[in-house]
Amino acid sequence: MAYGSFREFLDRLETEGELIRISQPVATELEITVLADQQMKAPDGGKALLIERPTVNGAVSSVPLAINTMGSWRRMAMALNAESVDQVAAELGGLLKAKPPMSVREAIRLLGQALDLRHARPRAVRDGPCKEVVHRFDPPPRRTEPWPKAPDILCDPDSARSAPLPTLLDLPILKCWPLDAGRFITLPCVVTRDPDTGERNVGMYRMQVYDAHTTGMHWQLQKVAARHGRRYYEKGARMPVAVFLGGDPVYTFAATAPLPDGLDEFLLAGYLRKRSVELVRCETIDLEVPADADFVLEGYVDPCEPLREEGPFGDHTGYYSLPEPYPVFHITAITHRKDAIYPATIVGLPPMEDFYLGSASVKLFLPVLKMNFPEIVDMALPAEGVFHNLVFVSIKKSYPMQAYKIMHGLWGMGQMMFTKYIIVVDDHVNVHNTREVLFHLCANTDPQRDCLFTRGPADVLDHATPEIGIGTKLGIDATRKLPGEGFKRPWPPLIQMDPAVQERIKSLLPR
């Protein structure tokens, strides 16, 4: 069943031996990063950490902090309340392939799938645990003058202790890496709405804390929330934005999932948790958030306000993303549970927790890709490729140039447009074994014949591109070549032992 709270999920992690409690004070400035990074780079993702007494500017926060909660395949499966991520992917794939029933048995099975779907649609409730404590703030007047070039983004310890409770300065928000511009909220689920269609989006965009009531809003130009923002900018109206943290961990996964624009992430969350997401209306803006969230930050982005410099930030690329101008988020209310726990993550040199979130998305949405490209057998995004930089895909090849069709098709699929390198291999190659992929890459390719260069959108966080958001892509066809592809020589067989001999020898060895 679905988790009733983030704390309930952590309790299960602890029961299953997947969580370490740390009772002594640990600083949110860099120290928690060291502990978390050690776990994330440990075999199989290490353990989740619950920091019971995080300190902010030397003062112990009353709010515990949890990190690396989904940083392994086992914890990722537990977040989805399943035995394995593969199990969830198989269930979703079976649903997509459902056909009209041809017998009573098939009708009963299809009915079971339909009953699962009844949980997908969110439902409105009047109240919830996320409103156990409510603090409202008066919105500031509109700002039209530019922000200072180097804004004061770290609070003074004395002012933090004397600030009204609670503000951003009271939360155990991390300063992750030494050159970070300040503290960053790293697991925010950001809710926006299209002003024309009313369609909701839940995305994840880092938020740099500027002061007690304002943050940066790092939605990149290709993101859905940025598109929503452009419409508000055109209208000249303040854009309502809600940010929630915690609650059922499936919300965090759904916020990172590569759903098509216009498809509500709460639908996916409801399907995965097999229980409708209960949504409660915010106190100061016309948006809804999960009633079981731990924290909710309500506010707005003002299109009449100048953009503000955000960054640098130690990013998932393994490098710092440098300062760029982004919208400012003003907080009008903070609501939270009485026993709230602050969820956080860090990104940096891989492997990190985000590898498991991204890889789980690949597994879950592979059936969708296969509906468009039935020749695809499997796909992997190696940790070294930091999400979308490098993609391995295996196909069942049946006609010339099919690998190039797959390259172009994937580059046109949502966030796959950011992929810099696509390597296509034959169906017998295990794409999750990088050594095996590299062997076939080197053995089956002629660089001049089998490489395809093209240009397209790039991740704005990619520091290597000649311009922000624009870059070059390379596709490599590492499949067996066909005569129709201009290959005139015989293709040699791969060296493999006779299975019967292997079995015979196995029987001779001591057990």
Protein backbone atom coordinates (compact mmCIF):
# COMPACT_ATOMS: atom_id res chain seq x y z
CA MET A 1 0.00 0.00 0.00
CA ALA A 2 0.95 3.66 -0.36
CA TYR A 3 2.92 5.46 2.31
CA GLY A 4 0.91 7.81 4.49
CA SER A 5 3.90 10.05 5.14
CA PHE A 6 7.58 10.50 4.44
CA ARG A 7 8.26 9.42 8.03
CA GLU A 8 6.40 6.15 7.38
CA PHE A 9 8.71 5.49 4.42
CA LEU A 10 11.78 6.17 6.58
CA ASP A 11 10.45 3.84 9.27
CA ARG A 12 10.24 1.07 6.69
CA LEU A 13 13.77 1.79 5.49
CA GLU A 14 14.99 1.48 9.06
CA THR A 15 13.07 -1.76 9.64
CA GLU A 16 14.62 -3.21 6.47
CA GLY A 17 18.15 -2.21 7.52
CA GLU A 18 18.39 0.50 4.86
CA LEU A 19 18.71 3.57 7.09
CA ILE A 20 21.39 4.87 9.46
CA ARG A 21 20.43 7.33 12.19
CA ILE A 22 22.99 9.97 13.14
CA SER A 23 22.21 11.55 16.50
CA GLN A 24 25.18 13.89 16.93
CA PRO A 25 25.01 17.38 15.35
CA VAL A 26 26.17 17.59 11.72
CA ALA A 27 26.48 20.89 9.85
CA THR A 28 24.28 21.57 6.85
CA GLU A 29 27.25 23.50 5.49
CA LEU A 30 29.31 20.85 3.61
CA GLU A 31 29.47 18.23 6.40
CA ILE A 32 26.24 16.42 5.49
CA THR A 33 27.47 16.33 1.89
CA VAL A 34 30.58 14.41 2.96
CA LEU A 35 28.49 11.80 4.80
CA ALA A 36 25.98 11.47 1.97
CA ASP A 37 28.63 11.28 -0.75
CA GLN A 38 30.38 8.44 1.09
CA GLN A 39 27.15 6.45 1.18
CA MET A 40 26.20 7.19 -2.43
CA LYS A 41 29.56 5.93 -3.66
CA ALA A 42 29.54 2.85 -1.44
CA PRO A 43 28.67 -0.53 -3.04
CA ASP A 44 25.00 -0.69 -4.12
CA GLY A 45 24.36 2.90 -3.05
CA GLY A 46 25.14 2.52 0.65
CA LYS A 47 22.42 3.44 3.13
CA ALA A 48 19.93 6.25 3.62
CA LEU A 49 20.82 8.73 6.36
CA LEU A 50 18.57 10.39 8.92
CA ILE A 51 20.40 13.35 10.45
CA GLU A 52 18.46 13.90 13.67
CA ARG A 53 20.22 17.15 14.71
CA PRO A 54 21.37 19.07 11.63
CA THR A 55 22.89 22.45 12.42
CA VAL A 56 22.30 25.70 10.54
CA ASN A 57 25.01 28.31 11.13
CA GLY A 58 25.98 26.43 14.28
CA ALA A 59 22.46 26.24 15.76
CA VAL A 60 20.73 22.85 15.96
CA SER A 61 17.59 22.75 13.81
CA SER A 62 14.41 21.28 15.25
CA VAL A 63 13.78 19.62 11.86
CA PRO A 64 15.55 16.32 11.07
CA LEU A 65 17.02 15.83 7.59
CA ALA A 66 16.89 12.65 5.46
CA ILE A 67 19.17 12.05 2.47
CA ASN A 68 19.98 9.24 0.00
CA THR A 69 16.57 7.71 0.64
CA MET A 70 16.24 6.46 -2.97
CA GLY A 71 19.93 5.94 -3.67
CA SER A 72 19.89 2.20 -4.39
CA TRP A 73 17.84 -0.21 -6.47
CA ARG A 74 16.34 -1.70 -3.31
CA ARG A 75 15.35 1.65 -1.80
CA MET A 76 14.06 2.84 -5.17
CA ALA A 77 11.80 -0.22 -5.33
CA MET A 78 10.70 0.38 -1.73
CA ALA A 79 9.86 4.00 -2.62
CA LEU A 80 7.58 2.63 -5.34
CA ASN A 81 6.24 0.05 -2.83
CA ALA A 82 7.27 -2.85 -5.04
CA GLU A 83 9.58 -5.85 -4.93
CA SER A 84 11.64 -4.38 -7.76
CA VAL A 85 11.60 -1.57 -10.27
CA ASP A 86 11.41 -4.22 -13.00
CA GLN A 87 8.14 -5.45 -11.49
CA VAL A 88 6.60 -1.99 -11.76
CA ALA A 89 7.85 -1.63 -15.33
CA ALA A 90 6.33 -5.01 -16.26
CA GLU A 91 2.97 -4.02 -14.77
CA LEU A 92 2.94 -0.74 -16.67
CA GLY A 93 4.02 -2.50 -19.87
CA GLY A 94 1.25 -5.05 -19.50
CA LEU A 95 -1.30 -2.28 -19.08
CA LEU A 96 -0.13 -0.52 -22.23
CA LYS A 97 -0.39 -3.75 -24.21
CA ALA A 98 -3.90 -4.56 -22.99
CA LYS A 99 -6.18 -5.74 -25.81
CA PRO A 100 -9.95 -6.33 -25.99
CA PRO A 101 -10.74 -9.53 -24.02
CA MET A 102 -11.36 -12.67 -26.05
CA SER A 103 -12.44 -14.85 -23.11
CA VAL A 104 -13.86 -14.63 -19.60
CA ARG A 105 -10.37 -15.15 -18.13
CA GLU A 106 -8.96 -12.26 -20.17
CA ALA A 107 -11.93 -10.07 -19.18
CA ILE A 108 -11.27 -10.72 -15.47
CA ARG A 109 -7.57 -9.91 -15.90
CA LEU A 110 -8.36 -6.69 -17.78
CA LEU A 111 -10.86 -5.73 -15.06
CA GLY A 112 -8.07 -6.04 -12.50
CA GLN A 113 -5.95 -3.64 -14.54
CA ALA A 114 -8.86 -1.20 -14.83
CA LEU A 115 -9.37 -1.30 -11.05
CA ASP A 116 -5.74 -0.28 -10.63
CA LEU A 117 -6.40 2.73 -12.84
CA ARG A 118 -9.18 4.00 -10.57
CA HIS A 119 -6.41 5.17 -8.24
CA ALA A 120 -4.75 7.33 -10.86
CA ARG A 121 -6.99 10.40 -10.70
CA PRO A 122 -6.21 12.71 -7.75
CA ARG A 123 -9.03 13.79 -5.47
CA ALA A 124 -9.59 17.01 -3.56
CA VAL A 125 -9.74 17.10 0.24
CA ARG A 126 -10.47 20.01 2.57
CA ASP A 127 -7.50 19.63 4.90
CA GLY A 128 -4.43 17.54 5.55
CA PRO A 129 -1.32 17.05 7.70
CA CYS A 130 0.65 19.55 5.59
CA LYS A 131 -1.51 22.28 7.19
CA GLU A 132 -0.95 21.35 10.81
CA VAL A 133 1.21 24.49 11.13
CA VAL A 134 0.48 27.53 8.94
CA HIS A 135 2.57 30.70 8.65
CA ARG A 136 1.55 33.47 6.27
CA PHE A 137 3.79 36.32 5.09
CA ASP A 138 2.86 39.66 3.59
CA PRO A 139 3.93 39.79 -0.09
CA PRO A 140 6.52 42.51 -0.77
CA PRO A 141 5.87 45.34 -3.22
CA ARG A 142 6.88 44.75 -6.82
CA ARG A 143 10.57 45.26 -7.51
CA THR A 144 11.53 46.90 -10.79
CA GLU A 145 15.17 47.83 -10.22
CA PRO A 146 17.94 45.29 -10.96
CA TRP A 147 19.19 43.01 -8.21
CA PRO A 148 22.72 43.51 -6.89
CA LYS A 149 25.35 41.73 -8.96
CA ALA A 150 26.55 39.72 -5.97
CA PRO A 151 23.51 39.33 -3.68
CA ASP A 152 23.90 38.56 0.00
CA ILE A 153 22.61 34.99 0.03
CA LEU A 154 24.01 33.59 3.27
CA CYS A 155 22.27 34.59 6.45
CA ASP A 156 24.03 35.92 9.54
CA PRO A 157 23.89 33.43 12.44
CA ASP A 158 22.44 35.95 14.89
CA SER A 159 19.72 37.12 12.50
CA ALA A 160 18.85 33.48 11.77
CA ARG A 161 18.26 32.75 15.44
CA SER A 162 16.10 35.84 15.88
CA ALA A 163 14.05 35.41 12.67
CA PRO A 164 10.28 34.74 13.02
CA LEU A 165 9.48 31.02 12.87
CA PRO A 166 9.51 29.40 10.47
CA THR A 167 11.27 30.93 7.48
CA LEU A 168 13.69 29.44 4.99
CA LEU A 169 16.48 30.34 7.41
CA ASP A 170 15.11 27.90 9.98
CA LEU A 171 15.09 24.88 7.69
CA PRO A 172 18.15 22.60 7.41
CA ILE A 173 18.80 23.55 3.78
CA LEU A 174 22.17 22.39 2.53
CA LYS A 175 25.17 24.24 1.26
CA CYS A 176 26.38 21.23 -0.70
CA TRP A 177 29.80 22.07 -2.16
CA PRO A 178 32.53 24.63 -1.32
CA LEU A 179 31.97 26.95 -4.30
CA ASP A 180 28.15 26.90 -4.15
CA ALA A 181 26.67 30.39 -4.03
CA GLY A 182 24.72 29.52 -0.89
CA ARG A 183 22.12 27.08 0.34
CA PHE A 184 20.01 25.16 -2.18
CA ILE A 185 16.74 23.27 -1.83
CA THR A 186 17.58 20.13 -3.79
CA LEU A 187 14.41 17.96 -3.72
CA PRO A 188 11.60 20.48 -4.32
CA CYS A 189 8.47 19.35 -6.14
CA VAL A 190 7.42 22.53 -7.97
CA VAL A 191 3.75 22.88 -8.95
CA THR A 192 2.73 25.27 -11.74
CA ARG A 193 -0.28 25.57 -14.02
CA ASP A 194 -0.69 26.55 -17.66
CA PRO A 195 -2.67 29.85 -17.58
CA ASP A 196 -4.40 28.97 -20.87
CA THR A 197 -5.35 25.30 -20.49
CA GLY A 198 -5.26 24.91 -16.70
CA GLU A 199 -3.01 21.85 -17.08
CA ARG A 200 -0.84 21.22 -14.05
CA ASN A 201 2.85 20.34 -14.01
CA VAL A 202 5.01 19.03 -11.18
CA GLY A 203 8.73 19.42 -11.87
CA MET A 204 11.95 19.47 -9.91
CA TYR A 205 14.11 22.60 -10.17
CA ARG A 206 16.78 23.53 -7.66
CA MET A 207 16.11 26.62 -5.55
CA GLN A 208 18.89 28.87 -4.25
CA VAL A 209 17.97 30.55 -0.96
CA TYR A 210 18.51 34.33 -1.20
CA ASP A 211 16.98 35.32 2.14
CA ALA A 212 14.22 34.33 4.55
CA HIS A 213 11.42 34.60 1.96
CA THR A 214 12.91 34.46 -1.55
CA THR A 215 14.74 31.90 -3.66
CA GLY A 216 15.86 31.45 -7.21
CA MET A 217 13.74 29.24 -9.46
CA HIS A 218 16.06 27.31 -11.75
CA TRP A 219 13.64 26.14 -14.41
CA GLN A 220 15.62 25.80 -17.62
CA LEU A 221 14.29 27.17 -20.89
CA GLN A 222 13.15 23.77 -22.22
CA LYS A 223 11.22 22.82 -19.05
CA VAL A 224 7.42 22.86 -18.80
CA ALA A 225 7.38 25.32 -15.89
CA ALA A 226 9.49 27.71 -17.96
CA ARG A 227 6.89 27.51 -20.73
CA HIS A 228 4.16 28.27 -18.20
CA GLY A 229 6.26 31.18 -16.97
CA ARG A 230 6.61 32.65 -20.45
CA ARG A 231 2.83 32.79 -20.79
CA TYR A 232 2.55 34.67 -17.48
CA TYR A 233 5.31 37.00 -18.65
CA GLU A 234 3.32 37.69 -21.82
CA LYS A 235 0.20 38.38 -19.77
CA GLY A 236 2.07 40.50 -17.20
CA ALA A 237 0.39 38.60 -14.34
CA ARG A 238 1.98 37.17 -11.22
CA MET A 239 2.52 33.44 -11.58
CA PRO A 240 1.39 31.31 -8.62
CA VAL A 241 3.91 28.63 -7.66
CA ALA A 242 3.70 25.98 -4.95
CA VAL A 243 6.65 23.92 -3.76
CA PHE A 244 6.20 20.85 -1.59
CA LEU A 245 8.75 18.59 0.04
CA GLY A 246 8.29 15.13 1.47
CA GLY A 247 5.15 13.07 1.66
CA ASP A 248 4.97 9.77 -0.19
CA PRO A 249 8.36 9.34 -1.95
CA VAL A 250 6.56 8.44 -5.16
CA TYR A 251 5.78 12.17 -5.56
CA THR A 252 9.48 12.92 -5.84
CA PHE A 253 9.91 10.20 -8.43
CA ALA A 254 6.92 11.45 -10.45
CA ALA A 255 8.31 15.01 -10.42
CA THR A 256 11.51 13.75 -12.07
CA ALA A 257 9.81 11.40 -14.55
CA PRO A 258 9.96 12.36 -18.26
CA LEU A 259 6.21 12.66 -18.80
CA PRO A 260 4.83 14.35 -21.93
CA ASP A 261 3.90 18.01 -21.55
CA GLY A 262 0.31 18.23 -20.32
CA LEU A 263 0.17 14.85 -18.55
CA ASP A 264 -0.37 15.39 -14.81
CA GLU A 265 2.39 13.88 -12.66
CA PHE A 266 -0.18 13.20 -9.93
CA LEU A 267 -1.87 10.73 -12.30
CA LEU A 268 1.37 8.77 -12.51
CA ALA A 269 1.84 9.01 -8.74
CA GLY A 270 -1.69 7.74 -8.11
CA TYR A 271 -1.19 4.80 -10.44
CA LEU A 272 2.16 3.84 -8.91
CA ARG A 273 1.02 4.10 -5.29
CA LYS A 274 -2.35 2.40 -6.08
CA ARG A 275 -4.12 5.12 -4.14
CA SER A 276 -5.42 8.47 -5.33
CA VAL A 277 -3.24 11.44 -4.41
CA GLU A 278 -5.21 13.61 -2.00
CA LEU A 279 -4.76 17.25 -2.92
CA VAL A 280 -5.48 20.22 -0.67
CA ARG A 281 -5.75 23.83 -1.80
CA CYS A 282 -2.98 26.19 -0.76
CA GLU A 283 -3.61 28.98 1.76
CA THR A 284 -2.55 31.98 -0.34
CA ILE A 285 -2.57 30.84 -3.99
CA ASP A 286 -4.89 28.90 -6.28
CA LEU A 287 -2.88 25.68 -6.55
CA GLU A 288 -3.17 22.25 -4.94
CA VAL A 289 -0.51 20.16 -3.21
CA PRO A 290 -0.49 16.68 -1.63
CA ALA A 291 -2.18 16.76 1.76
CA ASP A 292 0.47 14.45 3.23
CA ALA A 293 3.49 16.61 2.29
CA ASP A 294 5.95 17.56 5.02
CA PHE A 295 6.53 21.17 3.91
CA VAL A 296 4.72 23.47 1.48
CA LEU A 297 6.16 26.77 0.26
CA GLU A 298 3.50 28.96 -1.35
CA GLY A 299 4.27 32.00 -3.42
CA TYR A 300 4.69 33.55 -6.84
CA VAL A 301 7.04 34.64 -9.58
CA ASP A 302 6.52 38.21 -10.77
CA PRO A 303 7.06 38.76 -14.53
CA CYS A 304 7.58 42.48 -13.97
CA GLU A 305 10.57 41.80 -11.72
CA PRO A 306 14.13 41.59 -13.09
CA LEU A 307 15.77 38.19 -13.20
CA ARG A 308 18.36 37.52 -10.51
CA GLU A 309 21.74 35.84 -10.69
CA GLU A 310 21.58 32.21 -9.54
CA GLY A 311 24.57 29.93 -8.91
CA PRO A 312 27.24 28.69 -9.01
CA PHE A 313 26.07 25.25 -7.94
CA GLY A 314 27.86 21.88 -7.84
CA ASP A 315 25.72 20.05 -10.36
CA HIS A 316 24.96 16.51 -11.56
CA THR A 317 27.45 17.04 -14.40
CA GLY A 318 30.28 16.76 -11.88
CA TYR A 319 31.15 20.42 -12.46
CA TYR A 320 29.82 23.68 -11.07
CA SER A 321 27.12 25.29 -13.18
CA LEU A 322 28.08 28.97 -13.40
CA PRO A 323 25.88 31.96 -12.48
CA GLU A 324 22.98 32.74 -14.82
CA PRO A 325 19.88 34.94 -14.42
CA TYR A 326 16.69 33.15 -13.32
CA PRO A 327 13.26 34.15 -11.92
CA VAL A 328 12.82 34.96 -8.24
CA PHE A 329 10.31 32.99 -6.16
CA HIS A 330 8.60 34.99 -3.37
CA ILE A 331 7.11 33.03 -0.48
CA THR A 332 3.71 34.09 0.84
CA ALA A 333 3.18 31.15 3.23
CA ILE A 334 4.93 28.14 4.70
CA THR A 335 2.84 25.25 5.99
CA HIS A 336 4.11 21.98 7.41
CA ARG A 337 3.48 18.92 9.52
CA LYS A 338 4.20 19.16 13.24
CA ASP A 339 6.62 16.22 12.93
CA ALA A 340 8.03 17.23 9.53
CA ILE A 341 11.26 15.79 8.14
CA TYR A 342 13.24 17.73 5.54
CA PRO A 343 14.17 15.61 2.46
CA ALA A 344 17.39 16.45 0.62
CA THR A 345 19.85 15.10 -1.90
CA ILE A 346 23.17 16.10 -3.37
CA VAL A 347 24.47 15.84 -6.91
CA GLY A 348 28.02 15.78 -8.20
CA LEU A 349 30.54 13.32 -9.60
CA PRO A 350 28.68 10.06 -10.31
CA PRO A 351 27.45 7.73 -9.06
CA MET A 352 24.95 9.64 -6.94
CA GLU A 353 21.35 9.15 -5.79
CA ASP A 354 19.98 10.71 -8.98
CA PHE A 355 21.35 7.76 -11.01
CA TYR A 356 18.72 5.48 -9.48
CA LEU A 357 15.90 7.97 -10.01
CA GLY A 358 16.86 8.43 -13.66
CA SER A 359 17.42 4.73 -14.30
CA ALA A 360 14.06 3.86 -12.74
CA SER A 361 12.40 6.29 -15.15
CA VAL A 362 14.13 4.56 -18.07
CA LYS A 363 12.86 1.17 -16.90
CA LEU A 364 9.30 2.39 -16.38
CA PHE A 365 9.00 4.26 -19.66
CA LEU A 366 10.80 1.73 -21.83
CA PRO A 367 7.42 0.10 -22.69
CA VAL A 368 6.24 3.49 -23.98
CA LEU A 369 9.33 3.79 -26.18
CA LYS A 370 8.78 0.27 -27.45
CA MET A 371 5.28 1.20 -28.58
CA ASN A 372 6.86 3.80 -30.87
CA PHE A 373 9.98 1.76 -31.68
CA PRO A 374 9.10 -1.96 -31.42
CA GLU A 375 12.61 -2.97 -32.49
CA ILE A 376 14.07 -1.63 -29.22
CA VAL A 377 15.07 -4.45 -26.86
CA ASP A 378 16.61 -2.55 -23.96
CA MET A 379 18.15 0.78 -23.00
CA ALA A 380 20.60 2.00 -20.39
CA LEU A 381 21.90 5.38 -19.24
CA PRO A 382 25.27 4.62 -17.59
CA ALA A 383 26.07 6.55 -14.42
CA GLU A 384 29.17 7.98 -16.11
CA GLY A 385 26.91 9.73 -18.61
CA VAL A 386 25.19 11.73 -15.82
CA PHE A 387 21.66 11.00 -17.01
CA HIS A 388 21.23 11.85 -20.67
CA ASN A 389 24.77 12.46 -21.95
CA LEU A 390 25.26 8.81 -22.93
CA VAL A 391 22.62 6.27 -23.99
CA PHE A 392 23.12 2.61 -24.89
CA VAL A 393 20.24 1.03 -26.82
CA SER A 394 19.92 -2.49 -28.21
CA ILE A 395 17.66 -3.27 -31.17
CA LYS A 396 16.47 -6.29 -33.12
CA LYS A 397 17.77 -5.15 -36.47
CA SER A 398 15.92 -6.27 -39.60
CA TYR A 399 16.69 -3.71 -42.32
CA PRO A 400 19.49 -1.34 -43.39
CA MET A 401 19.99 1.97 -41.56
CA GLN A 402 17.62 0.97 -38.77
CA ALA A 403 20.10 2.12 -36.14
CA TYR A 404 19.96 5.65 -37.56
CA LYS A 405 16.17 5.63 -37.41
CA ILE A 406 16.45 4.88 -33.69
CA MET A 407 18.98 7.67 -33.13
CA HIS A 408 16.77 10.29 -34.78
CA GLY A 409 13.67 8.96 -33.03
CA LEU A 410 15.21 9.08 -29.56
CA TRP A 411 16.57 12.59 -30.07
CA GLY A 412 12.98 13.64 -30.72
CA MET A 413 11.59 12.11 -27.49
CA GLY A 414 11.25 14.69 -24.68
CA GLN A 415 14.36 15.03 -22.53
CA MET A 416 16.22 12.62 -24.83
CA MET A 417 16.85 15.74 -26.94
CA PHE A 418 19.69 16.46 -24.51
CA THR A 419 21.51 13.19 -25.23
CA LYS A 420 24.99 13.83 -26.60
CA TYR A 421 25.97 10.24 -27.47
CA ILE A 422 23.75 7.34 -28.58
CA ILE A 423 25.35 3.95 -29.18
CA VAL A 424 23.13 1.36 -30.89
CA VAL A 425 24.01 -2.33 -30.54
CA ASP A 426 22.39 -5.62 -31.54
CA ASP A 427 19.74 -7.35 -29.45
CA HIS A 428 22.10 -9.95 -27.88
CA VAL A 429 24.26 -7.24 -26.25
CA ASN A 430 23.58 -6.47 -22.58
CA VAL A 431 23.37 -2.66 -22.52
CA HIS A 432 23.71 -2.66 -18.72
CA ASN A 433 27.21 -4.11 -19.07
CA THR A 434 29.38 -1.18 -20.19
CA ARG A 435 32.33 -3.48 -20.90
CA GLU A 436 30.20 -5.53 -23.30
CA VAL A 437 28.90 -2.42 -25.07
CA LEU A 438 32.40 -0.99 -25.49
CA PHE A 439 33.64 -4.31 -26.92
CA HIS A 440 30.98 -4.26 -29.65
CA LEU A 441 31.51 -0.55 -30.22
CA CYS A 442 35.17 -1.13 -30.97
CA ALA A 443 34.67 -4.41 -32.86
CA ASN A 444 31.68 -3.53 -35.07
CA THR A 445 32.34 0.03 -36.24
CA ASP A 446 34.26 1.88 -38.87
CA PRO A 447 34.45 5.46 -37.55
CA GLN A 448 33.88 7.21 -40.86
CA ARG A 449 31.03 4.97 -41.98
CA ASP A 450 29.19 4.40 -38.68
CA CYS A 451 29.20 7.82 -37.01
CA LEU A 452 26.44 10.40 -37.40
CA PHE A 453 26.89 14.01 -36.31
CA THR A 454 23.93 16.32 -35.93
CA ARG A 455 22.97 19.47 -34.01
CA GLY A 456 20.13 20.22 -31.66
CA PRO A 457 19.06 21.44 -28.22
CA ALA A 458 21.53 20.83 -25.39
CA ASP A 459 21.29 20.83 -21.62
CA VAL A 460 21.88 24.39 -20.43
CA LEU A 461 24.02 22.89 -17.65
CA ASP A 462 26.45 21.43 -20.20
CA HIS A 463 29.55 23.61 -19.91
CA ALA A 464 31.23 22.02 -22.97
CA THR A 465 28.79 23.28 -25.63
CA PRO A 466 29.90 26.30 -27.70
CA GLU A 467 26.67 28.12 -26.77
CA ILE A 468 24.20 27.67 -23.93
CA GLY A 469 21.42 25.28 -24.87
CA ILE A 470 22.81 24.41 -28.33
CA GLY A 471 25.17 21.55 -29.11
CA THR A 472 26.35 18.70 -31.29
CA LYS A 473 25.24 15.07 -30.99
CA LEU A 474 26.98 11.87 -32.04
CA GLY A 475 25.26 8.62 -32.93
CA ILE A 476 27.28 5.44 -33.44
CA ASP A 477 25.90 2.37 -35.20
CA ALA A 478 27.63 -0.55 -33.46
CA THR A 479 25.29 -3.17 -34.91
CA ARG A 480 26.20 -5.92 -37.35
CA LYS A 481 26.30 -4.40 -40.84
CA LEU A 482 24.02 -5.56 -43.64
CA PRO A 483 24.80 -5.69 -47.39
CA GLY A 484 22.24 -2.90 -47.94
CA GLU A 485 24.41 -0.64 -45.77
CA GLY A 486 27.30 -0.91 -48.23
CA PHE A 487 29.09 -3.75 -46.42
CA LYS A 488 30.35 -6.18 -49.09
CA ARG A 489 32.50 -8.52 -47.00
CA PRO A 490 31.28 -11.58 -45.03
CA TRP A 491 30.48 -10.77 -41.40
CA PRO A 492 32.36 -13.19 -39.14
CA PRO A 493 30.61 -15.12 -36.37
CA LEU A 494 31.15 -14.17 -32.74
CA ILE A 495 33.29 -16.67 -30.79
CA GLN A 496 30.97 -18.71 -28.56
CA MET A 497 31.32 -22.14 -26.94
CA ASP A 498 28.90 -24.98 -27.68
CA PRO A 499 26.32 -24.94 -24.84
CA ALA A 500 26.28 -28.76 -24.69
CA VAL A 501 30.02 -28.83 -24.03
CA GLN A 502 29.65 -26.20 -21.34
CA GLU A 503 26.98 -28.25 -19.57
CA ARG A 504 29.09 -31.42 -19.82
CA ILE A 505 32.11 -29.71 -18.28
CA LYS A 506 29.96 -28.16 -15.58
CA SER A 507 28.88 -31.64 -14.51
CA LEU A 508 32.53 -32.69 -14.12
CA LEU A 509 33.40 -29.87 -11.72
CA PRO A 510 32.97 -30.31 -7.96
CA ARG A 511 29.90 -28.62 -6.57
